[in-house]
Amino acid sequence: MTMTSQKHRSATKIDPVPEGLESARAKLVYIYLDATGGATVEELGEILAMKKINILSVLNSLSSTGYVDRMGDEFVVTN
């Protein structure tokens, strides 16, 4: 049996989740967007295994509270 080597990924610094986020889904979406630098609704749904309606609801909430912005087709964490 042959063992494959795993590539070591460089550590990505993720800022703490804002205290105002109480929903587990909102935290998950926020952390993913922060770690990846942004994603489309379709990417979020596929990667996080969430329905589009739930993603849109979370993104609407995160946008209205100023945690994320829309840039073209992608959503990104507000700096």
C-alpha atoms as a PDB file:
ATOM      1  CA  MET A   1       0.000   0.000   0.000  1.00  0.00           C
ATOM      2  CA  THR A   2       1.349   3.395  -0.990  1.00  0.00           C
ATOM      3  CA  MET A   3       0.804   6.428   1.193  1.00  0.00           C
ATOM      4  CA  THR A   4       0.272   9.762  -0.475  1.00  0.00           C
ATOM      5  CA  SER A   5       1.821  12.848   0.999  1.00  0.00           C
ATOM      6  CA  GLN A   6      -0.411  15.665   2.087  1.00  0.00           C
ATOM      7  CA  LYS A   7       0.468  19.158   1.014  1.00  0.00           C
ATOM      8  CA  HIS A   8       0.890  21.567   3.872  1.00  0.00           C
ATOM      9  CA  ARG A   9      -1.258  24.647   3.478  1.00  0.00           C
ATOM     10  CA  SER A  10      -0.011  27.950   4.723  1.00  0.00           C
ATOM     11  CA  ALA A  11      -1.899  29.197   7.740  1.00  0.00           C
ATOM     12  CA  THR A  12      -4.619  31.698   6.957  1.00  0.00           C
ATOM     13  CA  LYS A  13      -5.303  34.287   9.615  1.00  0.00           C
ATOM     14  CA  ILE A  14      -9.018  34.563  10.252  1.00  0.00           C
ATOM     15  CA  ASP A  15     -10.306  37.410  12.368  1.00  0.00           C
ATOM     16  CA  PRO A  16     -12.644  36.606  15.252  1.00  0.00           C
ATOM     17  CA  VAL A  17     -16.320  36.359  14.386  1.00  0.00           C
ATOM     18  CA  PRO A  18     -18.124  39.595  15.300  1.00  0.00           C
ATOM     19  CA  GLU A  19     -20.019  39.336  18.592  1.00  0.00           C
ATOM     20  CA  GLY A  20     -23.246  40.478  16.919  1.00  0.00           C
ATOM     21  CA  LEU A  21     -23.489  37.252  14.934  1.00  0.00           C
ATOM     22  CA  GLU A  22     -25.605  34.768  16.860  1.00  0.00           C
ATOM     23  CA  SER A  23     -26.867  32.465  14.101  1.00  0.00           C
ATOM     24  CA  ALA A  24     -24.718  29.416  13.401  1.00  0.00           C
ATOM     25  CA  ARG A  25     -25.424  29.814   9.677  1.00  0.00           C
ATOM     26  CA  ALA A  26     -24.389  33.472   9.720  1.00  0.00           C
ATOM     27  CA  LYS A  27     -21.171  32.575  11.517  1.00  0.00           C
ATOM     28  CA  LEU A  28     -20.446  29.789   9.032  1.00  0.00           C
ATOM     29  CA  VAL A  29     -20.993  32.033   6.010  1.00  0.00           C
ATOM     30  CA  TYR A  30     -18.984  34.870   7.588  1.00  0.00           C
ATOM     31  CA  ILE A  31     -16.035  32.592   8.411  1.00  0.00           C
ATOM     32  CA  TYR A  32     -16.041  31.075   4.918  1.00  0.00           C
ATOM     33  CA  LEU A  33     -16.106  34.491   3.253  1.00  0.00           C
ATOM     34  CA  ASP A  34     -13.340  35.739   5.537  1.00  0.00           C
ATOM     35  CA  ALA A  35     -11.153  32.680   4.897  1.00  0.00           C
ATOM     36  CA  THR A  36     -11.595  32.663   1.123  1.00  0.00           C
ATOM     37  CA  GLY A  37     -11.770  36.372   0.393  1.00  0.00           C
ATOM     38  CA  GLY A  38     -15.238  36.118  -1.120  1.00  0.00           C
ATOM     39  CA  ALA A  39     -17.676  33.807  -2.854  1.00  0.00           C
ATOM     40  CA  THR A  40     -20.797  33.751  -4.982  1.00  0.00           C
ATOM     41  CA  VAL A  41     -24.166  32.553  -3.730  1.00  0.00           C
ATOM     42  CA  GLU A  42     -23.739  29.384  -5.799  1.00  0.00           C
ATOM     43  CA  GLU A  43     -20.287  28.676  -4.353  1.00  0.00           C
ATOM     44  CA  LEU A  44     -21.546  29.185  -0.815  1.00  0.00           C
ATOM     45  CA  GLY A  45     -24.462  26.836  -1.385  1.00  0.00           C
ATOM     46  CA  GLU A  46     -22.268  24.141  -2.862  1.00  0.00           C
ATOM     47  CA  ILE A  47     -19.398  24.326  -0.380  1.00  0.00           C
ATOM     48  CA  LEU A  48     -21.520  24.834   2.749  1.00  0.00           C
ATOM     49  CA  ALA A  49     -24.311  22.456   1.654  1.00  0.00           C
ATOM     50  CA  MET A  50     -26.981  25.099   2.188  1.00  0.00           C
ATOM     51  CA  LYS A  51     -30.059  25.897   0.102  1.00  0.00           C
ATOM     52  CA  LYS A  52     -29.928  29.065  -1.979  1.00  0.00           C
ATOM     53  CA  ILE A  53     -32.871  30.600  -0.078  1.00  0.00           C
ATOM     54  CA  ASN A  54     -30.985  30.152   3.212  1.00  0.00           C
ATOM     55  CA  ILE A  55     -27.770  31.603   1.766  1.00  0.00           C
ATOM     56  CA  LEU A  56     -29.665  34.634   0.450  1.00  0.00           C
ATOM     57  CA  SER A  57     -31.344  35.169   3.824  1.00  0.00           C
ATOM     58  CA  VAL A  58     -28.023  35.007   5.672  1.00  0.00           C
ATOM     59  CA  LEU A  59     -26.299  37.292   3.157  1.00  0.00           C
ATOM     60  CA  ASN A  60     -29.158  39.788   3.386  1.00  0.00           C
ATOM     61  CA  SER A  61     -28.792  39.851   7.166  1.00  0.00           C
ATOM     62  CA  LEU A  62     -24.990  40.144   7.015  1.00  0.00           C
ATOM     63  CA  SER A  63     -25.254  42.918   4.415  1.00  0.00           C
ATOM     64  CA  SER A  64     -27.858  44.924   6.309  1.00  0.00           C
ATOM     65  CA  THR A  65     -25.728  44.852   9.460  1.00  0.00           C
ATOM     66  CA  GLY A  66     -22.590  45.873   7.552  1.00  0.00           C
ATOM     67  CA  TYR A  67     -20.608  42.651   7.932  1.00  0.00           C
ATOM     68  CA  VAL A  68     -20.424  41.842   4.220  1.00  0.00           C
ATOM     69  CA  ASP A  69     -20.559  43.756   0.938  1.00  0.00           C
ATOM     70  CA  ARG A  70     -21.432  42.671  -2.559  1.00  0.00           C
ATOM     71  CA  MET A  71     -18.750  43.146  -5.192  1.00  0.00           C
ATOM     72  CA  GLY A  72     -20.084  42.063  -8.568  1.00  0.00           C
ATOM     73  CA  ASP A  73     -21.297  38.484  -8.217  1.00  0.00           C
ATOM     74  CA  GLU A  74     -19.337  37.868  -5.013  1.00  0.00           C
ATOM     75  CA  PHE A  75     -19.905  38.693  -1.380  1.00  0.00           C
ATOM     76  CA  VAL A  76     -16.909  39.735   0.713  1.00  0.00           C
ATOM     77  CA  VAL A  77     -16.303  40.543   4.369  1.00  0.00           C
ATOM     78  CA  THR A  78     -16.340  44.268   5.050  1.00  0.00           C
ATOM     79  CA  ASN A  79     -12.951  45.564   6.157  1.00  0.00           C
END
